Amino acid sequence: MILVQTFSLQQTGATDFDLTFSIPNNSNYSLSYDATKNKNFVTVQLNSGQSQPSGVFVSYTEGYSIYNNLLDITFEQKLNGVTTSKPRTYVQV
């Protein structure tokens, strides 16, 4: 299952980063944050009515900041009832 084709993390300031990733054009994503674990999640899933990911990918960029000396981001890819929690990237200062 591949819903996240590529991703990169680029530092844009002392504690700021841009996460750029590409996902199929027939999918969507949402962002969430677990404050108890200081973890960010990008959840990717197919649009309603879709059963297979498209071969056409679209890039998105989201901004993040380090909090408590850590930036931890995990992609949660959901496809046909199965969730895969990868890839994961983190920066610790």
PDB file of N, CA and C in Angstrom:
ATOM      1  N   MET A   1       0.843  -1.176   0.000  1.00  0.00           N
ATOM      2  CA  MET A   1       0.000   0.000   0.000  1.00  0.00           C
ATOM      3  C   MET A   1       0.887   1.238   0.000  1.00  0.00           C
ATOM      4  N   ILE A   2       0.744   2.063  -1.024  1.00  0.00           N
ATOM      5  CA  ILE A   2       1.512   3.298  -1.074  1.00  0.00           C
ATOM      6  C   ILE A   2       0.559   4.451  -1.367  1.00  0.00           C
ATOM      7  N   LEU A   3       0.316   5.250  -0.351  1.00  0.00           N
ATOM      8  CA  LEU A   3      -0.447   6.470  -0.551  1.00  0.00           C
ATOM      9  C   LEU A   3       0.461   7.692  -0.465  1.00  0.00           C
ATOM     10  N   VAL A   4       1.584   7.567   0.233  1.00  0.00           N
ATOM     11  CA  VAL A   4       2.564   8.648   0.294  1.00  0.00           C
ATOM     12  C   VAL A   4       3.726   8.240  -0.605  1.00  0.00           C
ATOM     13  N   GLN A   5       3.851   8.942  -1.739  1.00  0.00           N
ATOM     14  CA  GLN A   5       4.893   8.570  -2.697  1.00  0.00           C
ATOM     15  C   GLN A   5       6.252   9.099  -2.258  1.00  0.00           C
ATOM     16  N   THR A   6       6.335  10.384  -1.952  1.00  0.00           N
ATOM     17  CA  THR A   6       7.580  11.003  -1.507  1.00  0.00           C
ATOM     18  C   THR A   6       7.273  11.982  -0.387  1.00  0.00           C
ATOM     19  N   PHE A   7       8.298  12.268   0.421  1.00  0.00           N
ATOM     20  CA  PHE A   7       8.159  13.324   1.421  1.00  0.00           C
ATOM     21  C   PHE A   7       9.540  13.885   1.721  1.00  0.00           C
ATOM     22  N   SER A   8       9.565  15.143   2.144  1.00  0.00           N
ATOM     23  CA  SER A   8      10.820  15.772   2.542  1.00  0.00           C
ATOM     24  C   SER A   8      10.520  16.785   3.637  1.00  0.00           C
ATOM     25  N   LEU A   9      11.512  17.034   4.458  1.00  0.00           N
ATOM     26  CA  LEU A   9      11.413  17.987   5.553  1.00  0.00           C
ATOM     27  C   LEU A   9      12.533  18.996   5.369  1.00  0.00           C
ATOM     28  N   GLN A  10      12.163  20.278   5.261  1.00  0.00           N
ATOM     29  CA  GLN A  10      13.150  21.326   5.035  1.00  0.00           C
ATOM     30  C   GLN A  10      13.054  22.380   6.121  1.00  0.00           C
ATOM     31  N   GLN A  11      14.194  22.729   6.706  1.00  0.00           N
ATOM     32  CA  GLN A  11      14.217  23.747   7.754  1.00  0.00           C
ATOM     33  C   GLN A  11      14.057  25.119   7.116  1.00  0.00           C
ATOM     34  N   THR A  12      13.123  25.913   7.663  1.00  0.00           N
ATOM     35  CA  THR A  12      12.844  27.249   7.128  1.00  0.00           C
ATOM     36  C   THR A  12      13.158  28.359   8.120  1.00  0.00           C
ATOM     37  N   GLY A  13      13.449  27.997   9.357  1.00  0.00           N
ATOM     38  CA  GLY A  13      13.784  28.959  10.404  1.00  0.00           C
ATOM     39  C   GLY A  13      14.463  28.218  11.537  1.00  0.00           C
ATOM     40  N   ALA A  14      14.731  28.923  12.615  1.00  0.00           N
ATOM     41  CA  ALA A  14      15.445  28.311  13.742  1.00  0.00           C
ATOM     42  C   ALA A  14      14.731  27.059  14.259  1.00  0.00           C
ATOM     43  N   THR A  15      13.407  27.110  14.347  1.00  0.00           N
ATOM     44  CA  THR A  15      12.633  25.966  14.849  1.00  0.00           C
ATOM     45  C   THR A  15      11.478  25.608  13.920  1.00  0.00           C
ATOM     46  N   ASP A  16      11.499  26.130  12.709  1.00  0.00           N
ATOM     47  CA  ASP A  16      10.399  25.924  11.767  1.00  0.00           C
ATOM     48  C   ASP A  16      10.827  25.048  10.597  1.00  0.00           C
ATOM     49  N   PHE A  17       9.883  24.212  10.142  1.00  0.00           N
ATOM     50  CA  PHE A  17      10.146  23.276   9.060  1.00  0.00           C
ATOM     51  C   PHE A  17       8.942  23.204   8.134  1.00  0.00           C
ATOM     52  N   ASP A  18       9.204  22.927   6.873  1.00  0.00           N
ATOM     53  CA  ASP A  18       8.156  22.628   5.902  1.00  0.00           C
ATOM     54  C   ASP A  18       8.221  21.148   5.554  1.00  0.00           C
ATOM     55  N   LEU A  19       7.084  20.481   5.669  1.00  0.00           N
ATOM     56  CA  LEU A  19       6.949  19.096   5.247  1.00  0.00           C
ATOM     57  C   LEU A  19       6.252  19.103   3.890  1.00  0.00           C
ATOM     58  N   THR A  20       6.910  18.566   2.874  1.00  0.00           N
ATOM     59  CA  THR A  20       6.321  18.459   1.548  1.00  0.00           C
ATOM     60  C   THR A  20       6.149  16.980   1.240  1.00  0.00           C
ATOM     61  N   PHE A  21       4.970  16.612   0.758  1.00  0.00           N
ATOM     62  CA  PHE A  21       4.679  15.206   0.471  1.00  0.00           C
ATOM     63  C   PHE A  21       3.747  15.120  -0.717  1.00  0.00           C
ATOM     64  N   SER A  22       3.769  13.965  -1.384  1.00  0.00           N
ATOM     65  CA  SER A  22       2.874  13.755  -2.520  1.00  0.00           C
ATOM     66  C   SER A  22       2.005  12.530  -2.270  1.00  0.00           C
ATOM     67  N   ILE A  23       0.724  12.695  -2.633  1.00  0.00           N
ATOM     68  CA  ILE A  23      -0.280  11.648  -2.455  1.00  0.00           C
ATOM     69  C   ILE A  23      -1.124  11.551  -3.726  1.00  0.00           C
ATOM     70  N   PRO A  24      -1.823  10.435  -3.933  1.00  0.00           N
ATOM     71  CA  PRO A  24      -2.643  10.294  -5.137  1.00  0.00           C
ATOM     72  C   PRO A  24      -3.704  11.400  -5.228  1.00  0.00           C
ATOM     73  N   ASN A  25      -4.030  11.773  -6.470  1.00  0.00           N
ATOM     74  CA  ASN A  25      -5.006  12.846  -6.654  1.00  0.00           C
ATOM     75  C   ASN A  25      -6.435  12.425  -6.315  1.00  0.00           C
ATOM     76  N   ASN A  26      -6.655  11.159  -6.019  1.00  0.00           N
ATOM     77  CA  ASN A  26      -7.986  10.716  -5.591  1.00  0.00           C
ATOM     78  C   ASN A  26      -8.002  10.397  -4.096  1.00  0.00           C
ATOM     79  N   SER A  27      -7.128  11.085  -3.351  1.00  0.00           N
ATOM     80  CA  SER A  27      -7.076  10.903  -1.899  1.00  0.00           C
ATOM     81  C   SER A  27      -7.079  12.267  -1.218  1.00  0.00           C
ATOM     82  N   ASN A  28      -7.182  12.241   0.097  1.00  0.00           N
ATOM     83  CA  ASN A  28      -7.168  13.472   0.882  1.00  0.00           C
ATOM     84  C   ASN A  28      -6.344  13.223   2.137  1.00  0.00           C
ATOM     85  N   TYR A  29      -6.045  14.300   2.842  1.00  0.00           N
ATOM     86  CA  TYR A  29      -5.265  14.161   4.071  1.00  0.00           C
ATOM     87  C   TYR A  29      -5.815  15.088   5.144  1.00  0.00           C
ATOM     88  N   SER A  30      -5.519  14.746   6.382  1.00  0.00           N
ATOM     89  CA  SER A  30      -5.868  15.605   7.518  1.00  0.00           C
ATOM     90  C   SER A  30      -4.689  15.602   8.483  1.00  0.00           C
ATOM     91  N   LEU A  31      -4.602  16.668   9.263  1.00  0.00           N
ATOM     92  CA  LEU A  31      -3.513  16.836  10.225  1.00  0.00           C
ATOM     93  C   LEU A  31      -4.060  16.738  11.632  1.00  0.00           C
ATOM     94  N   SER A  32      -3.284  16.114  12.531  1.00  0.00           N
ATOM     95  CA  SER A  32      -3.679  16.066  13.939  1.00  0.00           C
ATOM     96  C   SER A  32      -2.427  16.099  14.804  1.00  0.00           C
ATOM     97  N   TYR A  33      -2.626  16.403  16.074  1.00  0.00           N
ATOM     98  CA  TYR A  33      -1.518  16.508  17.016  1.00  0.00           C
ATOM     99  C   TYR A  33      -1.929  15.867  18.333  1.00  0.00           C
ATOM    100  N   ASP A  34      -1.082  14.996  18.863  1.00  0.00           N
ATOM    101  CA  ASP A  34      -1.299  14.366  20.160  1.00  0.00           C
ATOM    102  C   ASP A  34      -0.398  15.078  21.160  1.00  0.00           C
ATOM    103  N   ALA A  35      -0.979  15.956  21.968  1.00  0.00           N
ATOM    104  CA  ALA A  35      -0.203  16.781  22.900  1.00  0.00           C
ATOM    105  C   ALA A  35       0.440  15.954  24.009  1.00  0.00           C
ATOM    106  N   THR A  36      -0.173  14.839  24.388  1.00  0.00           N
ATOM    107  CA  THR A  36       0.406  14.021  25.463  1.00  0.00           C
ATOM    108  C   THR A  36       1.691  13.334  25.005  1.00  0.00           C
ATOM    109  N   LYS A  37       1.791  13.040  23.714  1.00  0.00           N
ATOM    110  CA  LYS A  37       2.980  12.378  23.178  1.00  0.00           C
ATOM    111  C   LYS A  37       3.866  13.320  22.363  1.00  0.00           C
ATOM    112  N   ASN A  38       3.405  14.559  22.168  1.00  0.00           N
ATOM    113  CA  ASN A  38       4.116  15.538  21.343  1.00  0.00           C
ATOM    114  C   ASN A  38       4.398  14.963  19.949  1.00  0.00           C
ATOM    115  N   LYS A  39       3.345  14.391  19.326  1.00  0.00           N
ATOM    116  CA  LYS A  39       3.468  13.771  18.006  1.00  0.00           C
ATOM    117  C   LYS A  39       2.455  14.378  17.041  1.00  0.00           C
ATOM    118  N   ASN A  40       2.918  14.602  15.826  1.00  0.00           N
ATOM    119  CA  ASN A  40       2.068  15.080  14.742  1.00  0.00           C
ATOM    120  C   ASN A  40       1.742  13.908  13.823  1.00  0.00           C
ATOM    121  N   PHE A  41       0.527  13.932  13.287  1.00  0.00           N
ATOM    122  CA  PHE A  41       0.094  12.889  12.364  1.00  0.00           C
ATOM    123  C   PHE A  41      -0.459  13.509  11.091  1.00  0.00           C
ATOM    124  N   VAL A  42      -0.110  12.904   9.960  1.00  0.00           N
ATOM    125  CA  VAL A  42      -0.712  13.235   8.677  1.00  0.00           C
ATOM    126  C   VAL A  42      -1.445  11.971   8.246  1.00  0.00           C
ATOM    127  N   THR A  43      -2.764  12.031   8.262  1.00  0.00           N
ATOM    128  CA  THR A  43      -3.579  10.873   7.895  1.00  0.00           C
ATOM    129  C   THR A  43      -4.002  11.013   6.435  1.00  0.00           C
ATOM    130  N   VAL A  44      -3.679   9.994   5.642  1.00  0.00           N
ATOM    131  CA  VAL A  44      -3.985   9.995   4.217  1.00  0.00           C
ATOM    132  C   VAL A  44      -4.939   8.840   3.929  1.00  0.00           C
ATOM    133  N   GLN A  45      -6.015   9.142   3.201  1.00  0.00           N
ATOM    134  CA  GLN A  45      -6.955   8.093   2.818  1.00  0.00           C
ATOM    135  C   GLN A  45      -7.585   8.436   1.478  1.00  0.00           C
ATOM    136  N   LEU A  46      -8.098   7.408   0.815  1.00  0.00           N
ATOM    137  CA  LEU A  46      -8.758   7.613  -0.469  1.00  0.00           C
ATOM    138  C   LEU A  46     -10.051   8.396  -0.280  1.00  0.00           C
ATOM    139  N   ASN A  47     -10.415   9.149  -1.313  1.00  0.00           N
ATOM    140  CA  ASN A  47     -11.689   9.854  -1.289  1.00  0.00           C
ATOM    141  C   ASN A  47     -12.836   8.840  -1.269  1.00  0.00           C
ATOM    142  N   SER A  48     -13.971   9.265  -0.771  1.00  0.00           N
ATOM    143  CA  SER A  48     -15.150   8.423  -0.709  1.00  0.00           C
ATOM    144  C   SER A  48     -15.475   7.864  -2.098  1.00  0.00           C
ATOM    145  N   GLY A  49     -15.754   6.568  -2.147  1.00  0.00           N
ATOM    146  CA  GLY A  49     -16.108   5.919  -3.405  1.00  0.00           C
ATOM    147  C   GLY A  49     -14.916   5.381  -4.181  1.00  0.00           C
ATOM    148  N   GLN A  50     -13.714   5.660  -3.725  1.00  0.00           N
ATOM    149  CA  GLN A  50     -12.498   5.178  -4.398  1.00  0.00           C
ATOM    150  C   GLN A  50     -12.005   3.904  -3.710  1.00  0.00           C
ATOM    151  N   SER A  51     -11.499   2.960  -4.499  1.00  0.00           N
ATOM    152  CA  SER A  51     -10.991   1.715  -3.907  1.00  0.00           C
ATOM    153  C   SER A  51      -9.508   1.488  -4.186  1.00  0.00           C
ATOM    154  N   GLN A  52      -8.966   2.171  -5.186  1.00  0.00           N
ATOM    155  CA  GLN A  52      -7.555   2.035  -5.531  1.00  0.00           C
ATOM    156  C   GLN A  52      -6.938   3.419  -5.717  1.00  0.00           C
ATOM    157  N   PRO A  53      -5.686   3.604  -5.269  1.00  0.00           N
ATOM    158  CA  PRO A  53      -5.041   4.900  -5.464  1.00  0.00           C
ATOM    159  C   PRO A  53      -4.721   5.156  -6.937  1.00  0.00           C
ATOM    160  N   SER A  54      -4.852   6.394  -7.322  1.00  0.00           N
ATOM    161  CA  SER A  54      -4.512   6.824  -8.672  1.00  0.00           C
ATOM    162  C   SER A  54      -3.000   6.798  -8.848  1.00  0.00           C
ATOM    163  N   GLY A  55      -2.545   6.718 -10.079  1.00  0.00           N
ATOM    164  CA  GLY A  55      -1.117   6.802 -10.372  1.00  0.00           C
ATOM    165  C   GLY A  55      -0.634   8.229 -10.540  1.00  0.00           C
ATOM    166  N   VAL A  56      -1.572   9.191 -10.410  1.00  0.00           N
ATOM    167  CA  VAL A  56      -1.226  10.615 -10.530  1.00  0.00           C
ATOM    168  C   VAL A  56      -1.102  11.188  -9.121  1.00  0.00           C
ATOM    169  N   PHE A  57       0.060  11.763  -8.805  1.00  0.00           N
ATOM    170  CA  PHE A  57       0.312  12.269  -7.462  1.00  0.00           C
ATOM    171  C   PHE A  57       0.344  13.792  -7.440  1.00  0.00           C
ATOM    172  N   VAL A  58      -0.110  14.361  -6.316  1.00  0.00           N
ATOM    173  CA  VAL A  58      -0.166  15.802  -6.111  1.00  0.00           C
ATOM    174  C   VAL A  58       0.652  16.126  -4.868  1.00  0.00           C
ATOM    175  N   SER A  59       1.419  17.222  -4.934  1.00  0.00           N
ATOM    176  CA  SER A  59       2.256  17.624  -3.794  1.00  0.00           C
ATOM    177  C   SER A  59       1.554  18.646  -2.915  1.00  0.00           C
ATOM    178  N   TYR A  60       1.793  18.532  -1.615  1.00  0.00           N
ATOM    179  CA  TYR A  60       1.278  19.463  -0.617  1.00  0.00           C
ATOM    180  C   TYR A  60       2.414  19.828   0.332  1.00  0.00           C
ATOM    181  N   THR A  61       2.323  21.011   0.925  1.00  0.00           N
ATOM    182  CA  THR A  61       3.315  21.462   1.906  1.00  0.00           C
ATOM    183  C   THR A  61       2.595  21.981   3.142  1.00  0.00           C
ATOM    184  N   GLU A  62       3.059  21.543   4.296  1.00  0.00           N
ATOM    185  CA  GLU A  62       2.525  21.994   5.585  1.00  0.00           C
ATOM    186  C   GLU A  62       3.681  22.457   6.464  1.00  0.00           C
ATOM    187  N   GLY A  63       3.452  23.507   7.239  1.00  0.00           N
ATOM    188  CA  GLY A  63       4.471  24.035   8.130  1.00  0.00           C
ATOM    189  C   GLY A  63       4.360  23.469   9.533  1.00  0.00           C
ATOM    190  N   TYR A  64       5.518  23.212  10.148  1.00  0.00           N
ATOM    191  CA  TYR A  64       5.578  22.685  11.511  1.00  0.00           C
ATOM    192  C   TYR A  64       6.658  23.411  12.288  1.00  0.00           C
ATOM    193  N   SER A  65       6.531  23.383  13.615  1.00  0.00           N
ATOM    194  CA  SER A  65       7.542  23.968  14.497  1.00  0.00           C
ATOM    195  C   SER A  65       7.946  22.958  15.551  1.00  0.00           C
ATOM    196  N   ILE A  66       9.201  23.052  15.972  1.00  0.00           N
ATOM    197  CA  ILE A  66       9.692  22.202  17.053  1.00  0.00           C
ATOM    198  C   ILE A  66       9.021  22.641  18.351  1.00  0.00           C
ATOM    199  N   TYR A  67       8.597  21.688  19.150  1.00  0.00           N
ATOM    200  CA  TYR A  67       7.980  21.951  20.448  1.00  0.00           C
ATOM    201  C   TYR A  67       8.653  21.045  21.474  1.00  0.00           C
ATOM    202  N   ASN A  68       9.093  21.615  22.584  1.00  0.00           N
ATOM    203  CA  ASN A  68       9.820  20.851  23.616  1.00  0.00           C
ATOM    204  C   ASN A  68      11.005  20.094  23.018  1.00  0.00           C
ATOM    205  N   ASN A  69      11.744  20.783  22.146  1.00  0.00           N
ATOM    206  CA  ASN A  69      12.967  20.251  21.526  1.00  0.00           C
ATOM    207  C   ASN A  69      12.740  19.071  20.590  1.00  0.00           C
ATOM    208  N   LEU A  70      11.505  18.875  20.110  1.00  0.00           N
ATOM    209  CA  LEU A  70      11.222  17.728  19.254  1.00  0.00           C
ATOM    210  C   LEU A  70      10.155  18.062  18.212  1.00  0.00           C
ATOM    211  N   LEU A  71      10.379  17.557  17.013  1.00  0.00           N
ATOM    212  CA  LEU A  71       9.366  17.565  15.967  1.00  0.00           C
ATOM    213  C   LEU A  71       9.251  16.127  15.478  1.00  0.00           C
ATOM    214  N   ASP A  72       8.098  15.513  15.683  1.00  0.00           N
ATOM    215  CA  ASP A  72       7.874  14.109  15.353  1.00  0.00           C
ATOM    216  C   ASP A  72       6.623  14.023  14.477  1.00  0.00           C
ATOM    217  N   ILE A  73       6.784  13.525  13.258  1.00  0.00           N
ATOM    218  CA  ILE A  73       5.669  13.449  12.306  1.00  0.00           C
ATOM    219  C   ILE A  73       5.556  12.018  11.782  1.00  0.00           C
ATOM    220  N   THR A  74       4.365  11.456  11.878  1.00  0.00           N
ATOM    221  CA  THR A  74       4.087  10.121  11.354  1.00  0.00           C
ATOM    222  C   THR A  74       2.947  10.207  10.343  1.00  0.00           C
ATOM    223  N   PHE A  75       3.133   9.557   9.208  1.00  0.00           N
ATOM    224  CA  PHE A  75       2.051   9.422   8.235  1.00  0.00           C
ATOM    225  C   PHE A  75       1.239   8.193   8.594  1.00  0.00           C
ATOM    226  N   GLU A  76      -0.071   8.340   8.635  1.00  0.00           N
ATOM    227  CA  GLU A  76      -0.982   7.212   8.810  1.00  0.00           C
ATOM    228  C   GLU A  76      -1.716   7.031   7.493  1.00  0.00           C
ATOM    229  N   GLN A  77      -1.389   5.950   6.793  1.00  0.00           N
ATOM    230  CA  GLN A  77      -1.986   5.679   5.501  1.00  0.00           C
ATOM    231  C   GLN A  77      -3.110   4.653   5.671  1.00  0.00           C
ATOM    232  N   LYS A  78      -4.322   5.048   5.285  1.00  0.00           N
ATOM    233  CA  LYS A  78      -5.489   4.184   5.446  1.00  0.00           C
ATOM    234  C   LYS A  78      -6.002   3.780   4.066  1.00  0.00           C
ATOM    235  N   LEU A  79      -6.032   2.453   3.843  1.00  0.00           N
ATOM    236  CA  LEU A  79      -6.501   1.943   2.558  1.00  0.00           C
ATOM    237  C   LEU A  79      -7.245   0.640   2.780  1.00  0.00           C
ATOM    238  N   ASN A  80      -8.512   0.611   2.364  1.00  0.00           N
ATOM    239  CA  ASN A  80      -9.346  -0.586   2.438  1.00  0.00           C
ATOM    240  C   ASN A  80      -9.361  -1.212   3.830  1.00  0.00           C
ATOM    241  N   GLY A  81      -9.506  -0.384   4.855  1.00  0.00           N
ATOM    242  CA  GLY A  81      -9.619  -0.864   6.225  1.00  0.00           C
ATOM    243  C   GLY A  81      -8.306  -1.168   6.920  1.00  0.00           C
ATOM    244  N   VAL A  82      -7.182  -0.982   6.232  1.00  0.00           N
ATOM    245  CA  VAL A  82      -5.870  -1.257   6.817  1.00  0.00           C
ATOM    246  C   VAL A  82      -5.136   0.066   7.018  1.00  0.00           C
ATOM    247  N   THR A  83      -4.582   0.268   8.226  1.00  0.00           N
ATOM    248  CA  THR A  83      -3.810   1.472   8.523  1.00  0.00           C
ATOM    249  C   THR A  83      -2.344   1.111   8.690  1.00  0.00           C
ATOM    250  N   THR A  84      -1.505   1.820   7.960  1.00  0.00           N
ATOM    251  CA  THR A  84      -0.058   1.668   8.078  1.00  0.00           C
ATOM    252  C   THR A  84       0.508   2.972   8.605  1.00  0.00           C
ATOM    253  N   SER A  85       1.254   2.911   9.707  1.00  0.00           N
ATOM    254  CA  SER A  85       1.826   4.112  10.320  1.00  0.00           C
ATOM    255  C   SER A  85       3.281   4.277   9.899  1.00  0.00           C
ATOM    256  N   LYS A  86       3.482   4.699   8.673  1.00  0.00           N
ATOM    257  CA  LYS A  86       4.804   5.008   8.158  1.00  0.00           C
ATOM    258  C   LYS A  86       4.650   5.769   6.860  1.00  0.00           C
ATOM    259  N   PRO A  87       5.574   6.516   6.432  1.00  0.00           N
ATOM    260  CA  PRO A  87       6.870   6.760   7.056  1.00  0.00           C
ATOM    261  C   PRO A  87       6.752   7.696   8.270  1.00  0.00           C
ATOM    262  N   ARG A  88       7.868   7.799   8.981  1.00  0.00           N
ATOM    263  CA  ARG A  88       7.949   8.677  10.156  1.00  0.00           C
ATOM    264  C   ARG A  88       9.239   9.479  10.040  1.00  0.00           C
ATOM    265  N   THR A  89       9.171  10.732  10.441  1.00  0.00           N
ATOM    266  CA  THR A  89      10.367  11.571  10.466  1.00  0.00           C
ATOM    267  C   THR A  89      10.356  12.381  11.753  1.00  0.00           C
ATOM    268  N   TYR A  90      11.537  12.643  12.280  1.00  0.00           N
ATOM    269  CA  TYR A  90      11.606  13.464  13.483  1.00  0.00           C
ATOM    270  C   TYR A  90      12.921  14.228  13.540  1.00  0.00           C
ATOM    271  N   VAL A  91      12.866  15.370  14.252  1.00  0.00           N
ATOM    272  CA  VAL A  91      14.024  16.215  14.484  1.00  0.00           C
ATOM    273  C   VAL A  91      14.069  16.464  15.982  1.00  0.00           C
ATOM    274  N   GLN A  92      15.230  16.251  16.566  1.00  0.00           N
ATOM    275  CA  GLN A  92      15.396  16.489  18.003  1.00  0.00           C
ATOM    276  C   GLN A  92      16.569  17.445  18.191  1.00  0.00           C
ATOM    277  N   VAL A  93      16.346  18.469  19.012  1.00  0.00           N
ATOM    278  CA  VAL A  93      17.420  19.440  19.290  1.00  0.00           C
ATOM    279  C   VAL A  93      17.738  19.465  20.761  1.00  0.00           C
TER     280      VAL A  93
END
